[in-house]
PDB file of all heavy atoms in Angstrom:
ATOM      1  N   PHE A   1       0.364   3.066   4.755  1.00  0.00           N
ATOM      2  CA  PHE A   1       0.816   2.334   5.843  1.00  0.00           C
ATOM      3  C   PHE A   1       0.467   3.172   7.184  1.00  0.00           C
ATOM      4  O   PHE A   1       0.951   4.240   7.484  1.00  0.00           O
ATOM      5  CB  PHE A   1       2.292   2.083   5.899  1.00  0.00           C
ATOM      6  CG  PHE A   1       2.882   1.345   6.943  1.00  0.00           C
ATOM      7  CD1 PHE A   1       2.375  -0.140   7.089  1.00  0.00           C
ATOM      8  CD2 PHE A   1       3.956   1.709   7.667  1.00  0.00           C
ATOM      9  CE1 PHE A   1       3.072  -0.839   8.077  1.00  0.00           C
ATOM     10  CE2 PHE A   1       4.521   1.012   8.609  1.00  0.00           C
ATOM     11  CZ  PHE A   1       4.085  -0.379   8.839  1.00  0.00           C
ATOM     12  N   GLU A   2      -0.547   2.589   7.908  1.00  0.00           N
ATOM     13  CA  GLU A   2      -1.041   3.377   9.096  1.00  0.00           C
ATOM     14  C   GLU A   2      -1.091   2.443  10.404  1.00  0.00           C
ATOM     15  O   GLU A   2      -0.890   1.327  10.283  1.00  0.00           O
ATOM     16  CB  GLU A   2      -2.406   3.962   8.713  1.00  0.00           C
ATOM     17  CG  GLU A   2      -2.518   4.850   7.618  1.00  0.00           C
ATOM     18  CD  GLU A   2      -1.778   6.114   7.903  1.00  0.00           C
ATOM     19  OE1 GLU A   2      -1.651   6.468   9.010  1.00  0.00           O
ATOM     20  OE2 GLU A   2      -1.406   6.827   6.937  1.00  0.00           O
ATOM     21  N   ARG A   3      -1.195   3.091  11.406  1.00  0.00           N
ATOM     22  CA  ARG A   3      -1.290   2.408  12.750  1.00  0.00           C
ATOM     23  C   ARG A   3      -2.664   1.710  12.920  1.00  0.00           C
ATOM     24  O   ARG A   3      -2.822   0.740  13.819  1.00  0.00           O
ATOM     25  CB  ARG A   3      -1.068   3.408  13.923  1.00  0.00           C
ATOM     26  CG  ARG A   3       0.314   4.133  13.854  1.00  0.00           C
ATOM     27  CD  ARG A   3       0.541   4.996  15.052  1.00  0.00           C
ATOM     28  NE  ARG A   3       1.641   5.915  14.919  1.00  0.00           N
ATOM     29  CZ  ARG A   3       2.002   6.760  15.891  1.00  0.00           C
ATOM     30  NH1 ARG A   3       1.402   6.776  16.986  1.00  0.00           N
ATOM     31  NH2 ARG A   3       3.102   7.442  15.663  1.00  0.00           N
ATOM     32  N   THR A   4      -3.742   2.355  12.273  1.00  0.00           N
ATOM     33  CA  THR A   4      -5.050   1.858  12.611  1.00  0.00           C
ATOM     34  C   THR A   4      -5.579   1.465  11.233  1.00  0.00           C
ATOM     35  O   THR A   4      -5.179   1.879  10.133  1.00  0.00           O
ATOM     36  CB  THR A   4      -5.965   2.888  13.328  1.00  0.00           C
ATOM     37  OG1 THR A   4      -6.109   4.060  12.451  1.00  0.00           O
ATOM     38  CG2 THR A   4      -5.455   3.287  14.566  1.00  0.00           C
ATOM     39  N   SER A   5      -6.895   0.711  11.304  1.00  0.00           N
ATOM     40  CA  SER A   5      -7.530   0.230  10.131  1.00  0.00           C
ATOM     41  C   SER A   5      -8.511   1.289   9.606  1.00  0.00           C
ATOM     42  O   SER A   5      -9.653   1.001   9.325  1.00  0.00           O
ATOM     43  CB  SER A   5      -8.167  -1.099  10.383  1.00  0.00           C
ATOM     44  OG  SER A   5      -9.212  -0.859  11.483  1.00  0.00           O
ATOM     45  N   THR A   6      -8.092   2.564   9.395  1.00  0.00           N
ATOM     46  CA  THR A   6      -8.984   3.579   8.917  1.00  0.00           C
ATOM     47  C   THR A   6      -8.604   3.844   7.351  1.00  0.00           C
ATOM     48  O   THR A   6      -7.480   3.507   7.023  1.00  0.00           O
ATOM     49  CB  THR A   6      -8.762   4.934   9.686  1.00  0.00           C
ATOM     50  OG1 THR A   6      -7.422   5.368   9.310  1.00  0.00           O
ATOM     51  CG2 THR A   6      -8.972   4.706  11.182  1.00  0.00           C
ATOM     52  N   ASN A   7      -9.570   4.412   6.781  1.00  0.00           N
ATOM     53  CA  ASN A   7      -9.325   4.667   5.320  1.00  0.00           C
ATOM     54  C   ASN A   7      -8.644   6.068   5.121  1.00  0.00           C
ATOM     55  O   ASN A   7      -8.420   6.492   3.938  1.00  0.00           O
ATOM     56  CB  ASN A   7     -10.716   4.588   4.513  1.00  0.00           C
ATOM     57  CG  ASN A   7     -11.229   3.307   4.403  1.00  0.00           C
ATOM     58  OD1 ASN A   7     -10.289   2.292   4.292  1.00  0.00           O
ATOM     59  ND2 ASN A   7     -12.451   3.069   4.573  1.00  0.00           N
ATOM     60  N   GLN A   8      -8.335   6.721   6.211  1.00  0.00           N
ATOM     61  CA  GLN A   8      -7.803   8.052   6.054  1.00  0.00           C
ATOM     62  C   GLN A   8      -6.166   7.847   6.058  1.00  0.00           C
ATOM     63  O   GLN A   8      -5.452   7.947   6.908  1.00  0.00           O
ATOM     64  CB  GLN A   8      -8.142   8.986   7.264  1.00  0.00           C
ATOM     65  CG  GLN A   8      -9.637   9.298   7.300  1.00  0.00           C
ATOM     66  CD  GLN A   8     -10.033  10.090   8.561  1.00  0.00           C
ATOM     67  OE1 GLN A   8      -9.116  10.288   9.459  1.00  0.00           O
ATOM     68  NE2 GLN A   8     -11.265  10.409   8.603  1.00  0.00           N
ATOM     69  N   ILE A   9      -5.747   7.763   4.899  1.00  0.00           N
ATOM     70  CA  ILE A   9      -4.116   7.467   4.562  1.00  0.00           C
ATOM     71  C   ILE A   9      -3.573   8.928   4.429  1.00  0.00           C
ATOM     72  O   ILE A   9      -3.934   9.710   3.620  1.00  0.00           O
ATOM     73  CB  ILE A   9      -4.016   6.757   3.227  1.00  0.00           C
ATOM     74  CG1 ILE A   9      -4.961   5.346   3.278  1.00  0.00           C
ATOM     75  CG2 ILE A   9      -2.624   6.373   3.132  1.00  0.00           C
ATOM     76  CD1 ILE A   9      -4.697   4.570   4.394  1.00  0.00           C
ATOM     77  N   THR A  10      -2.538   9.003   5.308  1.00  0.00           N
ATOM     78  CA  THR A  10      -1.795  10.317   5.256  1.00  0.00           C
ATOM     79  C   THR A  10      -0.830  10.409   4.107  1.00  0.00           C
ATOM     80  O   THR A  10      -0.749  11.389   3.480  1.00  0.00           O
ATOM     81  CB  THR A  10      -0.960  10.475   6.570  1.00  0.00           C
ATOM     82  OG1 THR A  10      -1.951  10.340   7.655  1.00  0.00           O
ATOM     83  CG2 THR A  10      -0.220  11.961   6.587  1.00  0.00           C
ATOM     84  N   ASN A  11      -0.083   9.248   3.866  1.00  0.00           N
ATOM     85  CA  ASN A  11       0.919   9.323   2.798  1.00  0.00           C
ATOM     86  C   ASN A  11       0.640   8.006   2.065  1.00  0.00           C
ATOM     87  O   ASN A  11       0.415   6.975   2.415  1.00  0.00           O
ATOM     88  CB  ASN A  11       2.400   9.261   3.379  1.00  0.00           C
ATOM     89  CG  ASN A  11       2.572  10.528   4.249  1.00  0.00           C
ATOM     90  OD1 ASN A  11       2.610  11.542   3.781  1.00  0.00           O
ATOM     91  ND2 ASN A  11       2.906  10.317   5.518  1.00  0.00           N
ATOM     92  N   TRP A  12       0.788   8.207   0.742  1.00  0.00           N
ATOM     93  CA  TRP A  12       0.876   7.106  -0.332  1.00  0.00           C
ATOM     94  C   TRP A  12       2.276   6.785  -0.813  1.00  0.00           C
ATOM     95  O   TRP A  12       2.940   7.898  -1.140  1.00  0.00           O
ATOM     96  CB  TRP A  12      -0.148   7.281  -1.461  1.00  0.00           C
ATOM     97  CG  TRP A  12      -1.630   7.382  -0.992  1.00  0.00           C
ATOM     98  CD1 TRP A  12      -2.330   8.422  -0.746  1.00  0.00           C
ATOM     99  CD2 TRP A  12      -2.362   6.200  -0.867  1.00  0.00           C
ATOM    100  NE1 TRP A  12      -3.607   7.956  -0.345  1.00  0.00           N
ATOM    101  CE2 TRP A  12      -3.696   6.710  -0.372  1.00  0.00           C
ATOM    102  CE3 TRP A  12      -2.224   4.786  -0.858  1.00  0.00           C
ATOM    103  CZ2 TRP A  12      -4.720   5.932  -0.128  1.00  0.00           C
ATOM    104  CZ3 TRP A  12      -3.256   3.942  -0.670  1.00  0.00           C
ATOM    105  CH2 TRP A  12      -4.565   4.472  -0.256  1.00  0.00           C
ATOM    106  N   TYR A  13       2.669   5.599  -1.135  1.00  0.00           N
ATOM    107  CA  TYR A  13       3.994   5.223  -1.573  1.00  0.00           C
ATOM    108  C   TYR A  13       3.831   4.274  -2.688  1.00  0.00           C
ATOM    109  O   TYR A  13       2.950   3.457  -2.786  1.00  0.00           O
ATOM    110  CB  TYR A  13       4.809   4.595  -0.459  1.00  0.00           C
ATOM    111  CG  TYR A  13       4.945   5.453   0.849  1.00  0.00           C
ATOM    112  CD1 TYR A  13       4.108   5.297   1.837  1.00  0.00           C
ATOM    113  CD2 TYR A  13       5.976   6.303   0.985  1.00  0.00           C
ATOM    114  CE1 TYR A  13       4.118   6.015   3.058  1.00  0.00           C
ATOM    115  CE2 TYR A  13       6.052   7.033   2.093  1.00  0.00           C
ATOM    116  CZ  TYR A  13       5.212   6.935   3.120  1.00  0.00           C
ATOM    117  OH  TYR A  13       5.391   7.597   4.300  1.00  0.00           O
ATOM    118  N   SER A  14       4.692   4.476  -3.816  1.00  0.00           N
ATOM    119  CA  SER A  14       4.555   3.677  -4.996  1.00  0.00           C
ATOM    120  C   SER A  14       4.933   2.282  -4.792  1.00  0.00           C
ATOM    121  O   SER A  14       5.801   1.941  -4.004  1.00  0.00           O
ATOM    122  CB  SER A  14       5.430   4.309  -6.031  1.00  0.00           C
ATOM    123  OG  SER A  14       5.459   3.646  -7.145  1.00  0.00           O
ATOM    124  N   ILE A  15       4.181   1.422  -5.525  1.00  0.00           N
ATOM    125  CA  ILE A  15       4.519  -0.088  -5.430  1.00  0.00           C
ATOM    126  C   ILE A  15       5.176  -0.317  -6.780  1.00  0.00           C
ATOM    127  O   ILE A  15       4.798  -0.131  -7.855  1.00  0.00           O
ATOM    128  CB  ILE A  15       3.216  -0.953  -5.357  1.00  0.00           C
ATOM    129  CG1 ILE A  15       2.429  -0.598  -4.096  1.00  0.00           C
ATOM    130  CG2 ILE A  15       3.564  -2.387  -5.470  1.00  0.00           C
ATOM    131  CD1 ILE A  15       0.977  -1.416  -3.921  1.00  0.00           C
ATOM    132  N   LYS A  16       6.454  -0.797  -6.628  1.00  0.00           N
ATOM    133  CA  LYS A  16       7.318  -0.910  -7.825  1.00  0.00           C
ATOM    134  C   LYS A  16       7.278  -2.277  -8.421  1.00  0.00           C
ATOM    135  O   LYS A  16       7.592  -2.448  -9.604  1.00  0.00           O
ATOM    136  CB  LYS A  16       8.711  -0.452  -7.455  1.00  0.00           C
ATOM    137  CG  LYS A  16       8.794   0.957  -7.084  1.00  0.00           C
ATOM    138  CD  LYS A  16      10.257   1.276  -6.591  1.00  0.00           C
ATOM    139  CE  LYS A  16      10.389   2.756  -6.211  1.00  0.00           C
ATOM    140  NZ  LYS A  16      11.816   2.980  -5.785  1.00  0.00           N
ATOM    141  N   GLU A  17       6.948  -3.333  -7.599  1.00  0.00           N
ATOM    142  CA  GLU A  17       7.069  -4.642  -7.991  1.00  0.00           C
ATOM    143  C   GLU A  17       5.729  -5.468  -7.835  1.00  0.00           C
ATOM    144  O   GLU A  17       5.245  -5.488  -6.669  1.00  0.00           O
ATOM    145  CB  GLU A  17       8.105  -5.382  -7.223  1.00  0.00           C
ATOM    146  CG  GLU A  17       8.345  -6.883  -7.674  1.00  0.00           C
ATOM    147  CD  GLU A  17       9.423  -7.557  -6.837  1.00  0.00           C
ATOM    148  OE1 GLU A  17      10.229  -6.840  -6.143  1.00  0.00           O
ATOM    149  OE2 GLU A  17       9.500  -8.761  -6.984  1.00  0.00           O
ATOM    150  N   TYR A  18       4.997  -5.693  -8.881  1.00  0.00           N
ATOM    151  CA  TYR A  18       3.689  -6.393  -8.883  1.00  0.00           C
ATOM    152  C   TYR A  18       3.363  -7.142 -10.162  1.00  0.00           C
ATOM    153  O   TYR A  18       3.961  -6.846 -11.167  1.00  0.00           O
ATOM    154  CB  TYR A  18       2.552  -5.455  -8.540  1.00  0.00           C
ATOM    155  CG  TYR A  18       2.464  -4.336  -9.526  1.00  0.00           C
ATOM    156  CD1 TYR A  18       1.563  -4.385 -10.600  1.00  0.00           C
ATOM    157  CD2 TYR A  18       3.152  -3.167  -9.331  1.00  0.00           C
ATOM    158  CE1 TYR A  18       1.314  -3.352 -11.479  1.00  0.00           C
ATOM    159  CE2 TYR A  18       2.961  -2.126 -10.329  1.00  0.00           C
ATOM    160  CZ  TYR A  18       2.141  -2.248 -11.349  1.00  0.00           C
ATOM    161  OH  TYR A  18       1.939  -1.163 -12.262  1.00  0.00           O
ATOM    162  N   THR A  19       2.495  -8.248 -10.004  1.00  0.00           N
ATOM    163  CA  THR A  19       1.977  -8.868 -11.160  1.00  0.00           C
ATOM    164  C   THR A  19       0.384  -8.855 -11.071  1.00  0.00           C
ATOM    165  O   THR A  19      -0.170  -7.985 -10.412  1.00  0.00           O
ATOM    166  CB  THR A  19       2.531 -10.436 -11.220  1.00  0.00           C
ATOM    167  OG1 THR A  19       1.810 -11.035  -9.929  1.00  0.00           O
ATOM    168  CG2 THR A  19       3.975 -10.501 -10.898  1.00  0.00           C
ATOM    169  N   LYS A  20      -0.171  -9.773 -11.866  1.00  0.00           N
ATOM    170  CA  LYS A  20      -1.721  -9.738 -11.825  1.00  0.00           C
ATOM    171  C   LYS A  20      -2.283 -10.207 -10.439  1.00  0.00           C
ATOM    172  O   LYS A  20      -3.398  -9.816 -10.187  1.00  0.00           O
ATOM    173  CB  LYS A  20      -2.206 -10.630 -12.900  1.00  0.00           C
ATOM    174  CG  LYS A  20      -1.929 -10.298 -14.339  1.00  0.00           C
ATOM    175  CD  LYS A  20      -2.445 -11.190 -15.403  1.00  0.00           C
ATOM    176  CE  LYS A  20      -2.300 -10.755 -16.782  1.00  0.00           C
ATOM    177  NZ  LYS A  20      -2.883 -11.705 -17.734  1.00  0.00           N
ATOM    178  N   SER A  21      -1.440 -10.982  -9.756  1.00  0.00           N
ATOM    179  CA  SER A  21      -1.945 -11.453  -8.423  1.00  0.00           C
ATOM    180  C   SER A  21      -1.222 -11.117  -7.237  1.00  0.00           C
ATOM    181  O   SER A  21      -1.519 -11.472  -6.077  1.00  0.00           O
ATOM    182  CB  SER A  21      -2.188 -12.903  -8.601  1.00  0.00           C
ATOM    183  OG  SER A  21      -1.023 -13.738  -8.777  1.00  0.00           O
ATOM    184  N   THR A  22       0.110 -10.582  -7.372  1.00  0.00           N
ATOM    185  CA  THR A  22       1.029 -10.334  -6.320  1.00  0.00           C
ATOM    186  C   THR A  22       1.540  -8.847  -6.289  1.00  0.00           C
ATOM    187  O   THR A  22       1.499  -8.239  -7.355  1.00  0.00           O
ATOM    188  CB  THR A  22       2.257 -11.334  -6.455  1.00  0.00           C
ATOM    189  OG1 THR A  22       3.051 -11.048  -7.547  1.00  0.00           O
ATOM    190  CG2 THR A  22       1.763 -12.704  -6.344  1.00  0.00           C
ATOM    191  N   ALA A  23       1.861  -8.514  -5.105  1.00  0.00           N
ATOM    192  CA  ALA A  23       2.570  -7.165  -4.991  1.00  0.00           C
ATOM    193  C   ALA A  23       3.559  -7.259  -3.887  1.00  0.00           C
ATOM    194  O   ALA A  23       3.292  -7.884  -2.781  1.00  0.00           O
ATOM    195  CB  ALA A  23       1.562  -6.074  -4.615  1.00  0.00           C
ATOM    196  N   VAL A  24       4.721  -6.513  -4.077  1.00  0.00           N
ATOM    197  CA  VAL A  24       5.714  -6.466  -3.028  1.00  0.00           C
ATOM    198  C   VAL A  24       5.787  -5.048  -2.454  1.00  0.00           C
ATOM    199  O   VAL A  24       5.962  -4.102  -3.320  1.00  0.00           O
ATOM    200  CB  VAL A  24       7.202  -6.859  -3.598  1.00  0.00           C
ATOM    201  CG1 VAL A  24       8.226  -6.682  -2.523  1.00  0.00           C
ATOM    202  CG2 VAL A  24       7.123  -8.425  -4.149  1.00  0.00           C
ATOM    203  N   ILE A  25       5.538  -4.870  -1.280  1.00  0.00           N
ATOM    204  CA  ILE A  25       5.555  -3.560  -0.561  1.00  0.00           C
ATOM    205  C   ILE A  25       6.723  -3.424   0.379  1.00  0.00           C
ATOM    206  O   ILE A  25       6.885  -4.342   1.225  1.00  0.00           O
ATOM    207  CB  ILE A  25       4.163  -3.426   0.121  1.00  0.00           C
ATOM    208  CG1 ILE A  25       2.993  -3.379  -0.879  1.00  0.00           C
ATOM    209  CG2 ILE A  25       4.268  -2.162   1.009  1.00  0.00           C
ATOM    210  CD1 ILE A  25       1.622  -3.415  -0.229  1.00  0.00           C
TER     211      ILE A  25
END
């Protein structure tokens, strides 16, 4: 989750709820 659309991600957070086509963040 970043301020700009860069690929340089400072922190990664686990996604706990997802299916084959959906994800809750």
